[in-house]
C-alpha atoms as a PDB file:
ATOM      1  CA  MET A   1      -0.142   0.273   0.261  1.00  0.00           C
ATOM      2  CA  LEU A   2       2.805   2.586   0.581  1.00  0.00           C
ATOM      3  CA  LYS A   3       4.537   0.897  -2.119  1.00  0.00           C
ATOM      4  CA  ARG A   4       1.297   2.695  -4.433  1.00  0.00           C
ATOM      5  CA  ILE A   5       1.482   5.501  -2.562  1.00  0.00           C
ATOM      6  CA  LEU A   6       4.867   6.670  -3.402  1.00  0.00           C
ATOM      7  CA  PHE A   7       4.363   5.672  -7.042  1.00  0.00           C
ATOM      8  CA  PHE A   8       1.046   8.084  -7.159  1.00  0.00           C
ATOM      9  CA  VAL A   9       2.971  10.666  -5.016  1.00  0.00           C
ATOM     10  CA  VAL A  10       6.187  10.373  -7.313  1.00  0.00           C
ATOM     11  CA  LEU A  11       4.000  10.525 -10.669  1.00  0.00           C
ATOM     12  CA  LEU A  12       2.120  13.811  -9.516  1.00  0.00           C
ATOM     13  CA  LEU A  13       5.602  15.647  -8.929  1.00  0.00           C
ATOM     14  CA  VAL A  14       6.773  14.332 -12.497  1.00  0.00           C
ATOM     15  CA  GLY A  15       3.571  15.568 -14.098  1.00  0.00           C
ATOM     16  CA  LEU A  16       4.234  18.509 -12.061  1.00  0.00           C
ATOM     17  CA  TYR A  17       7.929  19.469 -13.030  1.00  0.00           C
ATOM     18  CA  TYR A  18       7.211  18.532 -16.827  1.00  0.00           C
ATOM     19  CA  GLY A  19       4.013  19.110 -17.589  1.00  0.00           C
ATOM     20  CA  PRO A  20       4.412  22.777 -18.043  1.00  0.00           C
ATOM     21  CA  ILE A  21       7.123  22.406 -20.366  1.00  0.00           C
ATOM     22  CA  ILE A  22       5.778  19.983 -22.774  1.00  0.00           C
ATOM     23  CA  TYR A  23       2.435  22.556 -21.990  1.00  0.00           C
ATOM     24  CA  GLU A  24       4.966  25.776 -23.671  1.00  0.00           C
ATOM     25  CA  VAL A  25       6.749  23.236 -26.380  1.00  0.00           C
ATOM     26  CA  GLU A  26       3.707  22.426 -27.717  1.00  0.00           C
ATOM     27  CA  ARG A  27       2.550  26.188 -27.399  1.00  0.00           C
ATOM     28  CA  GLU A  28       5.543  27.133 -29.030  1.00  0.00           C
ATOM     29  CA  GLN A  29       5.137  24.517 -32.116  1.00  0.00           C
ATOM     30  CA  GLU A  30       1.456  26.228 -32.698  1.00  0.00           C
ATOM     31  CA  TYR A  31       3.005  29.832 -32.739  1.00  0.00           C
ATOM     32  CA  ILE A  32       6.137  28.148 -35.264  1.00  0.00           C
ATOM     33  CA  THR A  33       3.590  27.278 -37.153  1.00  0.00           C
ATOM     34  CA  ASN A  34       1.017  29.670 -37.046  1.00  0.00           C
ATOM     35  CA  ILE A  35       3.810  32.145 -38.348  1.00  0.00           C
ATOM     36  CA  ASP A  36       4.733  29.893 -41.049  1.00  0.00           C
ATOM     37  CA  ASN A  37       1.384  30.186 -42.451  1.00  0.00           C
ATOM     38  CA  GLN A  38       1.225  34.027 -41.548  1.00  0.00           C
ATOM     39  CA  GLU A  39       1.824  36.196 -44.987  1.00  0.00           C
ATOM     40  CA  PRO A  40       5.844  37.690 -44.890  1.00  0.00           C
ATOM     41  CA  PHE A  41       6.059  40.455 -43.659  1.00  0.00           C
ATOM     42  CA  LEU A  42       5.861  43.368 -45.588  1.00  0.00           C
ATOM     43  CA  PHE A  43       9.194  44.586 -45.583  1.00  0.00           C
ATOM     44  CA  THR A  44      11.850  42.100 -44.619  1.00  0.00           C
ATOM     45  CA  GLU A  45      14.675  41.301 -47.174  1.00  0.00           C
ATOM     46  CA  ASN A  46      14.619  40.020 -50.247  1.00  0.00           C
ATOM     47  CA  ASP A  47      16.695  40.093 -53.110  1.00  0.00           C
ATOM     48  CA  THR A  48      14.057  39.284 -55.934  1.00  0.00           C
ATOM     49  CA  VAL A  49      12.633  42.007 -58.429  1.00  0.00           C
ATOM     50  CA  TYR A  50       8.465  41.369 -59.145  1.00  0.00           C
ATOM     51  CA  PRO A  51       7.837  43.401 -61.926  1.00  0.00           C
ATOM     52  CA  LEU A  52       4.576  44.155 -61.832  1.00  0.00           C
ATOM     53  CA  PRO A  53       2.420  44.523 -65.389  1.00  0.00           C
ATOM     54  CA  ALA A  54       2.143  47.681 -66.894  1.00  0.00           C
ATOM     55  CA  ASN A  55      -0.961  49.099 -66.909  1.00  0.00           C
ATOM     56  CA  GLY A  56      -1.132  52.467 -65.745  1.00  0.00           C
ATOM     57  CA  TYR A  57       0.785  56.119 -65.978  1.00  0.00           C
ATOM     58  CA  GLU A  58       3.525  54.072 -65.737  1.00  0.00           C
ATOM     59  CA  ASN A  59       3.014  53.826 -69.496  1.00  0.00           C
ATOM     60  CA  TYR A  60       3.174  57.867 -70.488  1.00  0.00           C
ATOM     61  CA  VAL A  61       7.629  57.565 -69.187  1.00  0.00           C
ATOM     62  CA  GLY A  62       9.265  57.458 -72.161  1.00  0.00           C
ATOM     63  CA  THR A  63       6.524  59.306 -75.219  1.00  0.00           C
ATOM     64  CA  ASN A  64       6.153  61.891 -76.160  1.00  0.00           C
ATOM     65  CA  ILE A  65       4.863  65.296 -74.280  1.00  0.00           C
ATOM     66  CA  ASP A  66       3.195  65.842 -77.255  1.00  0.00           C
ATOM     67  CA  SER A  67       0.604  62.322 -76.477  1.00  0.00           C
ATOM     68  CA  TYR A  68      -0.123  63.716 -73.298  1.00  0.00           C
ATOM     69  CA  VAL A  69      -0.514  66.995 -74.613  1.00  0.00           C
ATOM     70  CA  GLU A  70      -3.684  65.996 -77.423  1.00  0.00           C
ATOM     71  CA  ARG A  71      -5.357  63.102 -75.053  1.00  0.00           C
ATOM     72  CA  HIS A  72      -5.049  65.477 -71.999  1.00  0.00           C
ATOM     73  CA  GLY A  73      -4.674  68.921 -72.717  1.00  0.00           C
ATOM     74  CA  SER A  74      -2.009  72.264 -71.120  1.00  0.00           C
ATOM     75  CA  PRO A  75      -0.419  72.680 -68.601  1.00  0.00           C
ATOM     76  CA  ASP A  76      -1.553  74.930 -65.730  1.00  0.00           C
ATOM     77  CA  LYS A  77       2.067  75.539 -65.231  1.00  0.00           C
ATOM     78  CA  VAL A  78       5.303  74.967 -66.327  1.00  0.00           C
ATOM     79  CA  ILE A  79       9.124  75.473 -65.454  1.00  0.00           C
ATOM     80  CA  VAL A  80      11.987  75.740 -67.374  1.00  0.00           C
ATOM     81  CA  ASP A  81      15.406  75.036 -65.850  1.00  0.00           C
ATOM     82  CA  LYS A  82      18.231  75.470 -68.225  1.00  0.00           C
ATOM     83  CA  GLU A  83      20.750  74.484 -65.663  1.00  0.00           C
ATOM     84  CA  SER A  84      19.733  70.821 -65.768  1.00  0.00           C
ATOM     85  CA  ASN A  85      17.942  70.852 -68.999  1.00  0.00           C
ATOM     86  CA  ARG A  86      14.649  69.788 -68.038  1.00  0.00           C
ATOM     87  CA  ASN A  87      10.334  71.385 -68.237  1.00  0.00           C
ATOM     88  CA  TRP A  88       8.795  70.539 -65.055  1.00  0.00           C
ATOM     89  CA  TRP A  89       5.027  70.127 -66.272  1.00  0.00           C
ATOM     90  CA  SER A  90       2.732  70.653 -64.125  1.00  0.00           C
ATOM     91  CA  TYR A  91      -1.497  70.097 -63.863  1.00  0.00           C
ATOM     92  CA  HIS A  92      -4.040  70.454 -61.722  1.00  0.00           C
ATOM     93  CA  LEU A  93      -2.614  73.073 -59.715  1.00  0.00           C
ATOM     94  CA  HIS A  94      -3.332  73.063 -55.649  1.00  0.00           C
ATOM     95  CA  SER A  95      -5.757  70.045 -56.293  1.00  0.00           C
ATOM     96  CA  ASP A  96      -6.539  66.519 -55.446  1.00  0.00           C
ATOM     97  CA  GLU A  97      -5.731  65.771 -59.282  1.00  0.00           C
ATOM     98  CA  PHE A  98      -2.287  67.208 -59.216  1.00  0.00           C
ATOM     99  CA  LEU A  99       0.806  65.813 -61.009  1.00  0.00           C
ATOM    100  CA  GLN A 100       3.494  67.185 -62.708  1.00  0.00           C
ATOM    101  CA  LEU A 101       6.003  65.637 -65.600  1.00  0.00           C
ATOM    102  CA  GLU A 102       9.353  66.088 -66.198  1.00  0.00           C
ATOM    103  CA  VAL A 103      10.409  66.433 -70.459  1.00  0.00           C
ATOM    104  CA  VAL A 104      13.490  66.449 -71.804  1.00  0.00           C
ATOM    105  CA  ASN A 105      13.832  67.363 -75.581  1.00  0.00           C
ATOM    106  CA  LYS A 106       9.968  66.854 -75.537  1.00  0.00           C
ATOM    107  CA  ILE A 107      10.537  63.156 -74.006  1.00  0.00           C
ATOM    108  CA  ILE A 108       8.559  62.173 -70.342  1.00  0.00           C
ATOM    109  CA  GLN A 109      11.146  60.959 -68.503  1.00  0.00           C
ATOM    110  CA  SER A 110       8.929  60.881 -64.893  1.00  0.00           C
ATOM    111  CA  ILE A 111       5.655  61.913 -63.422  1.00  0.00           C
ATOM    112  CA  PHE A 112       5.390  62.597 -59.730  1.00  0.00           C
ATOM    113  CA  VAL A 113       1.681  62.367 -58.894  1.00  0.00           C
ATOM    114  CA  MET A 114       0.229  63.946 -55.417  1.00  0.00           C
ATOM    115  CA  GLY A 115      -3.673  64.156 -56.567  1.00  0.00           C
ATOM    116  CA  ASN A 116      -5.578  61.268 -54.590  1.00  0.00           C
ATOM    117  CA  GLN A 117      -8.102  60.840 -57.732  1.00  0.00           C
ATOM    118  CA  VAL A 118      -5.679  60.619 -60.014  1.00  0.00           C
ATOM    119  CA  GLN A 119      -6.262  57.311 -61.236  1.00  0.00           C
ATOM    120  CA  THR A 120      -2.754  55.497 -62.499  1.00  0.00           C
ATOM    121  CA  GLY A 121      -3.311  51.999 -61.610  1.00  0.00           C
ATOM    122  CA  THR A 122      -2.649  49.393 -59.792  1.00  0.00           C
ATOM    123  CA  ILE A 123      -0.489  51.596 -57.359  1.00  0.00           C
ATOM    124  CA  HIS A 124      -2.372  54.980 -56.372  1.00  0.00           C
ATOM    125  CA  VAL A 125      -2.144  57.682 -54.081  1.00  0.00           C
ATOM    126  CA  GLY A 126      -3.992  56.402 -50.461  1.00  0.00           C
ATOM    127  CA  MET A 127      -2.700  53.012 -50.319  1.00  0.00           C
ATOM    128  CA  THR A 128      -1.978  51.637 -46.832  1.00  0.00           C
ATOM    129  CA  ARG A 129       1.345  49.448 -47.135  1.00  0.00           C
ATOM    130  CA  GLU A 130      -0.992  46.328 -46.554  1.00  0.00           C
ATOM    131  CA  ASN A 131      -3.044  47.139 -50.072  1.00  0.00           C
ATOM    132  CA  LEU A 132       0.842  47.688 -51.600  1.00  0.00           C
ATOM    133  CA  HIS A 133       1.542  44.318 -50.070  1.00  0.00           C
ATOM    134  CA  GLU A 134      -1.192  42.588 -51.630  1.00  0.00           C
ATOM    135  CA  GLU A 135      -0.062  44.056 -55.099  1.00  0.00           C
ATOM    136  CA  THR A 136       3.671  43.424 -55.040  1.00  0.00           C
ATOM    137  CA  GLN A 137       6.668  42.309 -52.978  1.00  0.00           C
ATOM    138  CA  LEU A 138       8.730  44.572 -52.674  1.00  0.00           C
ATOM    139  CA  SER A 139      13.011  44.670 -53.047  1.00  0.00           C
ATOM    140  CA  ASP A 140      16.035  46.066 -51.762  1.00  0.00           C
ATOM    141  CA  THR A 141      18.162  45.631 -55.058  1.00  0.00           C
ATOM    142  CA  PHE A 142      17.305  46.503 -58.779  1.00  0.00           C
ATOM    143  CA  LYS A 143      19.291  45.245 -61.755  1.00  0.00           C
ATOM    144  CA  PHE A 144      18.773  47.391 -65.228  1.00  0.00           C
ATOM    145  CA  LYS A 145      20.945  48.930 -67.892  1.00  0.00           C
ATOM    146  CA  VAL A 146      21.489  52.068 -69.462  1.00  0.00           C
ATOM    147  CA  ASN A 147      22.202  52.868 -72.572  1.00  0.00           C
ATOM    148  CA  SER A 148      24.021  49.226 -72.300  1.00  0.00           C
ATOM    149  CA  GLU A 149      24.944  50.267 -69.066  1.00  0.00           C
ATOM    150  CA  ALA A 150      24.499  48.185 -66.196  1.00  0.00           C
ATOM    151  CA  TYR A 151      23.515  49.642 -62.868  1.00  0.00           C
ATOM    152  CA  GLN A 152      22.753  47.716 -59.752  1.00  0.00           C
ATOM    153  CA  LEU A 153      20.219  50.201 -56.914  1.00  0.00           C
ATOM    154  CA  ASN A 154      20.604  48.882 -53.391  1.00  0.00           C
ATOM    155  CA  LEU A 155      17.981  50.424 -50.516  1.00  0.00           C
ATOM    156  CA  THR A 156      18.429  50.719 -47.263  1.00  0.00           C
ATOM    157  CA  LYS A 157      16.084  49.675 -44.519  1.00  0.00           C
ATOM    158  CA  ALA A 158      14.684  53.552 -43.926  1.00  0.00           C
ATOM    159  CA  GLN A 159      14.821  53.782 -47.649  1.00  0.00           C
ATOM    160  CA  LYS A 160      12.619  50.757 -48.161  1.00  0.00           C
ATOM    161  CA  GLN A 161      10.590  51.917 -44.997  1.00  0.00           C
ATOM    162  CA  ARG A 162       9.830  55.575 -46.286  1.00  0.00           C
ATOM    163  CA  PHE A 163      10.398  55.364 -50.421  1.00  0.00           C
ATOM    164  CA  PRO A 164      10.229  51.435 -51.455  1.00  0.00           C
ATOM    165  CA  LEU A 165      11.022  50.563 -55.427  1.00  0.00           C
ATOM    166  CA  VAL A 166       8.226  49.274 -57.381  1.00  0.00           C
ATOM    167  CA  GLN A 167       9.479  47.587 -61.090  1.00  0.00           C
ATOM    168  CA  PHE A 168       6.910  47.495 -64.335  1.00  0.00           C
ATOM    169  CA  ASP A 169       7.154  44.695 -66.697  1.00  0.00           C
ATOM    170  CA  ASN A 170       8.082  47.687 -68.862  1.00  0.00           C
ATOM    171  CA  ASN A 171      11.308  48.262 -67.143  1.00  0.00           C
ATOM    172  CA  THR A 172      10.119  51.671 -65.547  1.00  0.00           C
ATOM    173  CA  PHE A 173       9.935  52.177 -62.024  1.00  0.00           C
ATOM    174  CA  ALA A 174       7.909  53.698 -59.149  1.00  0.00           C
ATOM    175  CA  MET A 175       9.044  55.249 -56.299  1.00  0.00           C
ATOM    176  CA  ILE A 176       6.679  55.467 -53.408  1.00  0.00           C
ATOM    177  CA  PHE A 177       6.312  58.243 -50.932  1.00  0.00           C
ATOM    178  CA  PHE A 178       5.062  57.116 -47.495  1.00  0.00           C
ATOM    179  CA  HIS A 179       3.812  59.740 -45.616  1.00  0.00           C
ATOM    180  CA  PRO A 180       6.131  59.952 -42.136  1.00  0.00           C
ATOM    181  CA  GLN A 181       2.863  59.535 -39.903  1.00  0.00           C
ATOM    182  CA  LEU A 182       0.071  58.609 -41.479  1.00  0.00           C
ATOM    183  CA  ASP A 183       1.234  55.833 -42.583  1.00  0.00           C
ATOM    184  CA  ASN A 184       0.129  55.962 -46.315  1.00  0.00           C
ATOM    185  CA  VAL A 185       0.989  56.421 -49.943  1.00  0.00           C
ATOM    186  CA  TYR A 186       0.989  60.484 -50.045  1.00  0.00           C
ATOM    187  CA  ALA A 187       3.012  60.142 -53.742  1.00  0.00           C
ATOM    188  CA  ILE A 188       3.744  58.454 -56.035  1.00  0.00           C
ATOM    189  CA  ARG A 189       7.139  59.169 -59.113  1.00  0.00           C
ATOM    190  CA  TYR A 190       7.133  57.508 -61.896  1.00  0.00           C
ATOM    191  CA  LEU A 191      10.153  56.874 -63.582  1.00  0.00           C
ATOM    192  CA  SER A 192      12.603  55.738 -66.180  1.00  0.00           C
ATOM    193  CA  PRO A 193      15.435  53.823 -65.392  1.00  0.00           C
ATOM    194  CA  ARG A 194      17.911  56.880 -66.495  1.00  0.00           C
ATOM    195  CA  THR A 195      16.222  59.026 -64.350  1.00  0.00           C
ATOM    196  CA  LEU A 196      16.169  56.307 -61.797  1.00  0.00           C
ATOM    197  CA  VAL A 197      20.004  57.065 -61.372  1.00  0.00           C
ATOM    198  CA  ARG A 198      20.569  60.622 -61.994  1.00  0.00           C
ATOM    199  CA  ILE A 199      18.431  61.510 -58.470  1.00  0.00           C
ATOM    200  CA  ASN A 200      21.285  60.094 -57.155  1.00  0.00           C
ATOM    201  CA  TYR A 201      19.134  58.709 -54.113  1.00  0.00           C
ATOM    202  CA  TYR A 202      19.175  55.187 -53.388  1.00  0.00           C
ATOM    203  CA  GLU A 203      23.286  53.033 -53.386  1.00  0.00           C
ATOM    204  CA  THR A 204      24.619  53.346 -57.432  1.00  0.00           C
ATOM    205  CA  GLU A 205      26.813  50.700 -58.496  1.00  0.00           C
ATOM    206  CA  GLY A 206      28.497  50.326 -61.342  1.00  0.00           C
ATOM    207  CA  GLY A 207      27.416  52.008 -65.185  1.00  0.00           C
ATOM    208  CA  GLU A 208      28.581  55.856 -65.450  1.00  0.00           C
ATOM    209  CA  TYR A 209      27.401  58.638 -62.762  1.00  0.00           C
ATOM    210  CA  LEU A 210      24.926  61.213 -64.343  1.00  0.00           C
ATOM    211  CA  PRO A 211      23.489  63.441 -61.219  1.00  0.00           C
ATOM    212  CA  LEU A 212      21.905  66.334 -61.813  1.00  0.00           C
ATOM    213  CA  THR A 213      22.116  69.497 -60.431  1.00  0.00           C
ATOM    214  CA  TYR A 214      19.001  72.128 -60.914  1.00  0.00           C
ATOM    215  CA  ALA A 215      18.945  75.843 -60.654  1.00  0.00           C
ATOM    216  CA  SER A 216      18.029  77.750 -57.429  1.00  0.00           C
ATOM    217  CA  SER A 217      14.503  79.005 -59.000  1.00  0.00           C
ATOM    218  CA  THR A 218      13.512  76.304 -60.045  1.00  0.00           C
ATOM    219  CA  ILE A 219      13.840  74.758 -56.251  1.00  0.00           C
ATOM    220  CA  GLU A 220      12.704  77.999 -55.248  1.00  0.00           C
ATOM    221  CA  ALA A 221       9.165  77.519 -57.561  1.00  0.00           C
ATOM    222  CA  LEU A 222       8.327  73.753 -57.475  1.00  0.00           C
ATOM    223  CA  PHE A 223       8.652  73.129 -53.067  1.00  0.00           C
ATOM    224  CA  PRO A 224       5.073  75.500 -52.660  1.00  0.00           C
ATOM    225  CA  LEU A 225       3.548  73.724 -55.336  1.00  0.00           C
ATOM    226  CA  TYR A 226       4.621  70.228 -53.473  1.00  0.00           C
ATOM    227  CA  SER A 227       4.025  72.430 -50.244  1.00  0.00           C
ATOM    228  CA  LEU A 228       0.337  73.629 -51.550  1.00  0.00           C
ATOM    229  CA  VAL A 229      -1.115  70.048 -52.855  1.00  0.00           C
ATOM    230  CA  MET A 230       0.190  67.941 -49.566  1.00  0.00           C
ATOM    231  CA  PHE A 231      -1.246  70.678 -47.469  1.00  0.00           C
ATOM    232  CA  GLN A 232      -4.720  71.081 -48.884  1.00  0.00           C
ATOM    233  CA  ASN A 233      -4.736  67.997 -49.431  1.00  0.00           C
ATOM    234  CA  ILE A 234      -3.727  65.796 -46.574  1.00  0.00           C
ATOM    235  CA  GLU A 235      -3.836  68.386 -44.138  1.00  0.00           C
ATOM    236  CA  ASN A 236      -6.345  70.342 -44.460  1.00  0.00           C
ATOM    237  CA  GLU A 237      -4.672  73.439 -44.534  1.00  0.00           C
ATOM    238  CA  ASN A 238      -5.054  76.203 -46.764  1.00  0.00           C
ATOM    239  CA  PHE A 239      -1.867  78.499 -47.393  1.00  0.00           C
ATOM    240  CA  GLU A 240      -1.215  81.076 -50.491  1.00  0.00           C
ATOM    241  CA  TYR A 241       2.351  81.235 -52.129  1.00  0.00           C
ATOM    242  CA  GLU A 242       3.513  84.936 -51.820  1.00  0.00           C
ATOM    243  CA  PRO A 243       6.593  85.155 -54.195  1.00  0.00           C
ATOM    244  CA  ARG A 244       7.299  88.693 -53.429  1.00  0.00           C
ATOM    245  CA  LEU A 245       8.464  87.323 -49.986  1.00  0.00           C
ATOM    246  CA  ARG A 246      11.334  85.619 -51.428  1.00  0.00           C
ATOM    247  CA  GLN A 247      12.858  89.325 -51.786  1.00  0.00           C
ATOM    248  CA  PHE A 248      13.144  89.218 -47.955  1.00  0.00           C
ATOM    249  CA  GLY A 249      14.416  85.923 -48.158  1.00  0.00           C
ATOM    250  CA  GLU A 250      17.569  87.448 -50.202  1.00  0.00           C
ATOM    251  CA  GLN A 251      17.491  90.260 -47.932  1.00  0.00           C
ATOM    252  CA  VAL A 252      17.626  87.704 -44.676  1.00  0.00           C
ATOM    253  CA  ILE A 253      20.555  85.500 -46.644  1.00  0.00           C
ATOM    254  CA  GLU A 254      22.852  89.390 -47.151  1.00  0.00           C
ATOM    255  CA  THR A 255      22.083  90.473 -44.059  1.00  0.00           C
ATOM    256  CA  GLU A 256      22.825  86.831 -42.278  1.00  0.00           C
ATOM    257  CA  GLY A 257      25.680  85.623 -44.855  1.00  0.00           C
ATOM    258  CA  GLU A 258      25.490  82.871 -46.620  1.00  0.00           C
ATOM    259  CA  ASN A 259      28.018  80.794 -45.224  1.00  0.00           C
ATOM    260  CA  ARG A 260      26.994  81.745 -41.847  1.00  0.00           C
ATOM    261  CA  LEU A 261      24.165  80.194 -42.536  1.00  0.00           C
ATOM    262  CA  THR A 262      24.685  77.275 -44.125  1.00  0.00           C
ATOM    263  CA  SER A 263      27.252  76.071 -40.988  1.00  0.00           C
ATOM    264  CA  HIS A 264      24.925  77.441 -38.617  1.00  0.00           C
ATOM    265  CA  GLY A 265      21.713  78.664 -39.679  1.00  0.00           C
ATOM    266  CA  LEU A 266      19.399  81.193 -37.348  1.00  0.00           C
ATOM    267  CA  SER A 267      20.075  82.341 -34.398  1.00  0.00           C
ATOM    268  CA  SER A 268      16.946  83.042 -31.861  1.00  0.00           C
ATOM    269  CA  GLY A 269      18.240  86.643 -31.663  1.00  0.00           C
ATOM    270  CA  SER A 270      17.494  87.034 -35.240  1.00  0.00           C
ATOM    271  CA  ILE A 271      14.356  84.723 -35.445  1.00  0.00           C
ATOM    272  CA  ALA A 272      13.073  87.343 -33.185  1.00  0.00           C
ATOM    273  CA  HIS A 273      14.427  90.558 -35.098  1.00  0.00           C
ATOM    274  CA  TYR A 274      12.462  88.982 -38.367  1.00  0.00           C
ATOM    275  CA  ALA A 275       9.603  88.271 -36.128  1.00  0.00           C
ATOM    276  CA  ASP A 276       9.300  91.991 -35.360  1.00  0.00           C
ATOM    277  CA  ALA A 277       9.357  92.441 -39.220  1.00  0.00           C
ATOM    278  CA  GLY A 278       5.957  90.671 -39.303  1.00  0.00           C
ATOM    279  CA  LYS A 279       7.955  87.651 -40.321  1.00  0.00           C
ATOM    280  CA  GLU A 280       8.209  83.861 -38.991  1.00  0.00           C
ATOM    281  CA  VAL A 281      11.200  82.826 -40.629  1.00  0.00           C
ATOM    282  CA  PHE A 282      12.647  78.902 -40.504  1.00  0.00           C
ATOM    283  CA  TYR A 283      15.740  77.361 -41.978  1.00  0.00           C
ATOM    284  CA  THR A 284      16.420  73.792 -42.718  1.00  0.00           C
ATOM    285  CA  THR A 285      19.479  71.930 -43.662  1.00  0.00           C
ATOM    286  CA  GLY A 286      19.747  69.893 -46.423  1.00  0.00           C
ATOM    287  CA  ASN A 287      21.019  66.253 -47.440  1.00  0.00           C
ATOM    288  CA  GLN A 288      22.761  67.038 -50.472  1.00  0.00           C
ATOM    289  CA  ILE A 289      20.006  65.748 -52.740  1.00  0.00           C
ATOM    290  CA  TRP A 290      18.615  67.829 -55.595  1.00  0.00           C
ATOM    291  CA  ASP A 291      16.062  66.024 -57.481  1.00  0.00           C
ATOM    292  CA  PRO A 292      12.920  68.265 -56.442  1.00  0.00           C
ATOM    293  CA  PRO A 293      11.178  65.433 -55.731  1.00  0.00           C
ATOM    294  CA  THR A 294      13.295  63.434 -54.034  1.00  0.00           C
ATOM    295  CA  ARG A 295      14.241  66.455 -52.466  1.00  0.00           C
ATOM    296  CA  PHE A 296      10.732  67.708 -50.941  1.00  0.00           C
ATOM    297  CA  GLY A 297      10.178  63.647 -50.298  1.00  0.00           C
ATOM    298  CA  THR A 298      13.076  63.125 -47.448  1.00  0.00           C
ATOM    299  CA  PHE A 299      12.320  67.349 -46.507  1.00  0.00           C
ATOM    300  CA  TYR A 300       9.081  66.223 -45.391  1.00  0.00           C
ATOM    301  CA  ASN A 301       9.950  62.747 -44.154  1.00  0.00           C
ATOM    302  CA  GLU A 302      11.703  64.793 -41.556  1.00  0.00           C
ATOM    303  CA  ILE A 303       8.859  65.323 -38.768  1.00  0.00           C
ATOM    304  CA  ALA A 304      11.008  68.437 -38.213  1.00  0.00           C
ATOM    305  CA  ASN A 305      10.868  69.931 -41.180  1.00  0.00           C
ATOM    306  CA  HIS A 306       7.044  68.675 -41.158  1.00  0.00           C
ATOM    307  CA  ALA A 307       5.912  70.263 -38.654  1.00  0.00           C
ATOM    308  CA  ILE A 308       6.986  73.788 -39.998  1.00  0.00           C
ATOM    309  CA  PHE A 309       4.073  74.594 -41.321  1.00  0.00           C
ATOM    310  CA  ARG A 310       1.886  74.091 -37.723  1.00  0.00           C
ATOM    311  CA  LYS A 311       4.373  76.460 -35.937  1.00  0.00           C
ATOM    312  CA  THR A 312       3.049  79.303 -37.103  1.00  0.00           C
ATOM    313  CA  ASN A 313      -0.493  80.682 -37.760  1.00  0.00           C
ATOM    314  CA  LYS A 314       0.470  82.717 -40.894  1.00  0.00           C
ATOM    315  CA  LYS A 315      -0.651  81.298 -44.407  1.00  0.00           C
ATOM    316  CA  THR A 316       1.506  83.034 -47.335  1.00  0.00           C
ATOM    317  CA  PHE A 317       4.713  82.157 -47.394  1.00  0.00           C
ATOM    318  CA  ALA A 318       7.629  81.586 -50.345  1.00  0.00           C
ATOM    319  CA  VAL A 319      10.944  79.439 -50.025  1.00  0.00           C
ATOM    320  CA  LYS A 320      14.579  80.609 -50.653  1.00  0.00           C
ATOM    321  CA  ALA A 321      17.017  77.755 -51.589  1.00  0.00           C
ATOM    322  CA  VAL A 322      20.694  78.582 -49.789  1.00  0.00           C
ATOM    323  CA  ASP A 323      22.687  75.840 -51.146  1.00  0.00           C
ATOM    324  CA  ASN A 324      21.515  72.766 -50.755  1.00  0.00           C
ATOM    325  CA  ASP A 325      19.374  74.254 -47.413  1.00  0.00           C
ATOM    326  CA  LEU A 326      15.670  76.153 -47.370  1.00  0.00           C
ATOM    327  CA  LEU A 327      14.870  79.480 -45.969  1.00  0.00           C
ATOM    328  CA  PHE A 328      11.078  79.514 -44.947  1.00  0.00           C
ATOM    329  CA  ILE A 329       9.240  82.741 -44.607  1.00  0.00           C
ATOM    330  CA  PHE A 330       5.773  83.493 -43.337  1.00  0.00           C
ATOM    331  CA  GLU A 331       3.930  86.481 -43.436  1.00  0.00           C
END
């Protein structure tokens, strides 16, 4: 009888000791099985490219601008940059149909879409990350040729998070702009392979180095366009662009000194001085990116820059370029 009691006591102790372990192993196995059955996370490392069928605005890239005008009409504004030999054709200014064509020798090099009512195709403004993941798997590395020169583009994790690339089966690309806070797509840039290399944003291997520089006047004209669309359509804030304020920006640069500005920015004393004159002035340092849409995207991706338009109750503004830095003037 005593042996039987001892036997059951031993069984009880063994059960108490090993039972939780067996249970945890079963739970872990169940967890692993569930993970295996889930779809892969949107931004896992992936060197394989899955080109999407070209069924939207990407088909305009590389075509003659006359064909686009015949179908969509004349642009509302054209900005000519003689330094880069590029024309920027803007349609539907300050609206939810805003888009901009980058044109060289009458050929469309890229299309920058910020309007959420533009029917661009599979990829469109307003998509969430999950929406994008349902359409394609995003890659870290892209290999292609430009005029027989071989290139490889490598995306960092940060770039893949904020500005992932999508390739189409007609050898064009889409650069996706994710909103830094809402985390959905607020803009898309359709590009030719050559333009993709020349924006000089992603790490590039091989081929000829083809970066472009742009006139300061081009940046000063395009940044307000992008800002107005962004804050009117997404932030529900109404601002007005006032070119006259660029002259005040020139006075600020002359007073402060360009070298001092690019080295130290604006002092609190200077900011207070300009406030006494009825102006609010903000200075932001650049990141050595010159391509206008990419420069705007990387600028807006910084929360401190994003907040500039929220720090002021003034509704008219202009932008003044200081080398690769930017001066915002509000009145």
